């Protein structure tokens, strides 16, 4: 267990995260700072299951699943992560009772960065402070006012 915590801290520091909770308006939770790990399953473009925990991906916004672009985002994320082991750093915030987290694949890829770079989600600047803005390639996706 100690080696997992050390590895999780190393990954967090390598990608510029600190041990302080990341901030975004939402309900407080008792998860921060905390890592969860498990098998991933995409639910849509910005929600995944990590074992039996539903997680909202931090810093991005993807179209709703019932739209063409939302289905494309969900399909890409599913093809990219379903069945993979992921490690997620919970931010300590919740939205709609779901914990918000930054999630990584075993090779260190940030799941949020992957879907934004693919052009299927956008950086949610209010949440991320612009962390993923440089990866955006599809400015025609709908941008909700809560991200401004």
Protein backbone atom coordinates (compact mmCIF):
# COMPACT_ATOMS: atom_id res chain seq x y z
CA UNK A 1 0.00 0.00 0.00
CA UNK A 2 2.84 2.39 0.79
CA UNK A 3 4.33 1.84 -2.67
CA UNK A 4 0.95 2.65 -4.28
CA UNK A 5 0.75 5.92 -2.33
CA UNK A 6 4.31 6.80 -3.33
CA UNK A 7 3.58 5.99 -6.98
CA UNK A 8 0.35 8.00 -6.89
CA UNK A 9 2.15 10.97 -5.38
CA UNK A 10 4.91 10.71 -7.99
CA UNK A 11 2.34 10.70 -10.81
CA UNK A 12 0.48 13.64 -9.26
CA UNK A 13 3.65 15.68 -8.91
CA UNK A 14 4.83 14.73 -12.41
CA UNK A 15 1.68 16.16 -13.96
CA UNK A 16 1.72 19.28 -11.83
CA UNK A 17 -0.85 18.38 -9.21
CA UNK A 18 -0.22 19.16 -5.60
CA UNK A 19 -1.53 17.47 -2.51
CA UNK A 20 -4.00 20.34 -2.06
CA UNK A 21 -7.46 19.65 -3.45
CA UNK A 22 -8.20 21.04 -6.91
CA UNK A 23 -11.01 23.56 -6.90
CA UNK A 24 -14.32 23.88 -8.68
CA UNK A 25 -17.73 24.87 -7.45
CA UNK A 26 -19.59 21.82 -6.29
CA UNK A 27 -20.47 19.91 -3.19
CA UNK A 28 -17.70 19.20 -0.73
CA UNK A 29 -16.89 15.58 -0.15
CA UNK A 30 -14.77 13.56 2.21
CA UNK A 31 -12.54 12.27 -0.62
CA UNK A 32 -9.79 14.88 -0.89
CA UNK A 33 -6.95 14.33 -1.35
CA UNK A 34 -7.47 10.69 -2.15
CA UNK A 35 -6.56 8.26 -4.91
CA UNK A 36 -8.81 5.53 -6.24
CA UNK A 37 -7.72 2.82 -8.64
CA UNK A 38 -9.56 0.16 -10.52
CA UNK A 39 -10.94 -1.02 -13.83
CA UNK A 40 -12.39 1.74 -16.01
CA UNK A 41 -15.59 1.82 -18.02
CA UNK A 42 -16.71 4.89 -19.95
CA UNK A 43 -20.26 6.10 -19.28
CA UNK A 44 -20.15 9.11 -21.60
CA UNK A 45 -17.56 11.68 -22.69
CA UNK A 46 -16.84 12.99 -19.21
CA UNK A 47 -17.99 10.30 -16.77
CA UNK A 48 -16.38 6.95 -16.08
CA UNK A 49 -16.85 4.09 -13.67
CA UNK A 50 -13.80 3.05 -11.66
CA UNK A 51 -14.85 -0.34 -10.38
CA UNK A 52 -18.14 0.58 -8.68
CA UNK A 53 -17.53 4.34 -8.29
CA UNK A 54 -18.90 6.80 -10.86
CA UNK A 55 -16.42 9.64 -11.42
CA UNK A 56 -16.78 12.96 -13.25
CA UNK A 57 -13.60 13.72 -15.20
CA UNK A 58 -12.04 16.95 -13.98
CA UNK A 59 -11.42 19.92 -16.24
CA UNK A 60 -13.42 19.04 -19.34
CA UNK A 61 -16.89 19.21 -20.80
CA UNK A 62 -18.19 16.79 -23.43
CA UNK A 63 -21.50 16.92 -25.32
CA UNK A 64 -24.45 14.95 -23.98
CA UNK A 65 -24.48 11.30 -24.97
CA UNK A 66 -27.82 11.61 -26.79
CA UNK A 67 -26.23 13.86 -29.45
CA UNK A 68 -24.08 12.70 -32.36
CA UNK A 69 -20.93 14.35 -30.96
CA UNK A 70 -21.74 13.07 -27.47
CA UNK A 71 -22.06 9.51 -28.77
CA UNK A 72 -18.74 9.91 -30.60
CA UNK A 73 -17.09 11.12 -27.38
CA UNK A 74 -18.51 8.21 -25.40
CA UNK A 75 -17.45 5.70 -28.07
CA UNK A 76 -13.90 7.10 -28.21
CA UNK A 77 -13.55 7.05 -24.45
CA UNK A 78 -14.97 3.54 -24.28
CA UNK A 79 -12.53 2.27 -26.93
CA UNK A 80 -9.65 4.03 -25.15
CA UNK A 81 -10.20 3.04 -21.53
CA UNK A 82 -12.79 0.27 -21.07
CA UNK A 83 -11.17 -2.60 -19.19
CA UNK A 84 -8.00 -0.60 -18.47
CA UNK A 85 -6.66 0.01 -15.02
CA UNK A 86 -6.90 3.68 -14.07
CA UNK A 87 -5.78 5.73 -11.12
CA UNK A 88 -7.82 8.77 -10.23
CA UNK A 89 -7.01 11.62 -7.88
CA UNK A 90 -10.24 12.83 -6.35
CA UNK A 91 -10.41 16.60 -6.04
CA UNK A 92 -12.56 16.73 -2.93
CA UNK A 93 -15.44 18.26 -4.88
CA UNK A 94 -18.60 16.67 -6.21
CA UNK A 95 -21.11 17.56 -8.86
CA UNK A 96 -24.52 15.91 -8.83
CA UNK A 97 -23.20 13.71 -5.99
CA UNK A 98 -20.42 12.33 -8.21
CA UNK A 99 -16.81 12.85 -7.13
CA UNK A 100 -14.65 14.84 -9.56
CA UNK A 101 -11.25 13.36 -10.38
CA UNK A 102 -8.18 13.58 -12.59
CA UNK A 103 -7.69 10.08 -14.02
CA UNK A 104 -4.65 8.44 -15.57
CA UNK A 105 -3.99 5.28 -17.54
CA UNK A 106 -1.09 3.02 -16.48
CA UNK A 107 1.22 4.72 -19.03
CA UNK A 108 0.54 8.10 -17.39
CA UNK A 109 -1.85 9.47 -20.01
CA UNK A 110 -4.38 11.92 -18.57
CA UNK A 111 -7.83 10.66 -19.66
CA UNK A 112 -9.26 14.20 -19.88
CA UNK A 113 -6.37 15.32 -22.08
CA UNK A 114 -6.91 12.35 -24.41
CA UNK A 115 -10.52 13.18 -25.20
CA UNK A 116 -9.89 16.92 -25.60
CA UNK A 117 -6.95 16.25 -27.94
CA UNK A 118 -9.21 13.97 -30.00
CA UNK A 119 -11.57 16.93 -30.53
CA UNK A 120 -14.48 15.32 -28.68
CA UNK A 121 -14.48 17.46 -25.52
CA UNK A 122 -13.43 20.97 -24.52
CA UNK A 123 -11.43 22.41 -21.68
CA UNK A 124 -13.77 23.69 -18.98
CA UNK A 125 -11.75 26.76 -17.99
CA UNK A 126 -13.71 27.48 -14.83
CA UNK A 127 -12.87 24.01 -13.59
CA UNK A 128 -9.35 23.53 -14.98
CA UNK A 129 -7.95 27.05 -15.16
CA UNK A 130 -7.19 26.38 -18.85
CA UNK A 131 -5.13 23.22 -18.30
CA UNK A 132 -6.47 21.51 -21.46
CA UNK A 133 -7.16 24.59 -23.65
CA UNK A 134 -4.00 24.10 -25.73
CA UNK A 135 -5.26 20.64 -26.76
CA UNK A 136 -8.60 21.83 -28.14
CA UNK A 137 -9.08 21.11 -31.83
CA UNK A 138 -12.85 21.35 -32.22
CA UNK A 139 -14.17 24.78 -31.24
CA UNK A 140 -17.60 23.95 -32.72
CA UNK A 141 -18.63 21.80 -29.77
CA UNK A 142 -21.19 23.45 -27.49
CA UNK A 143 -19.58 25.33 -24.61
CA UNK A 144 -21.78 25.58 -21.51
CA UNK A 145 -21.96 28.80 -19.55
CA UNK A 146 -20.96 27.03 -16.31
CA UNK A 147 -17.46 26.55 -17.75
CA UNK A 148 -16.87 30.26 -18.38
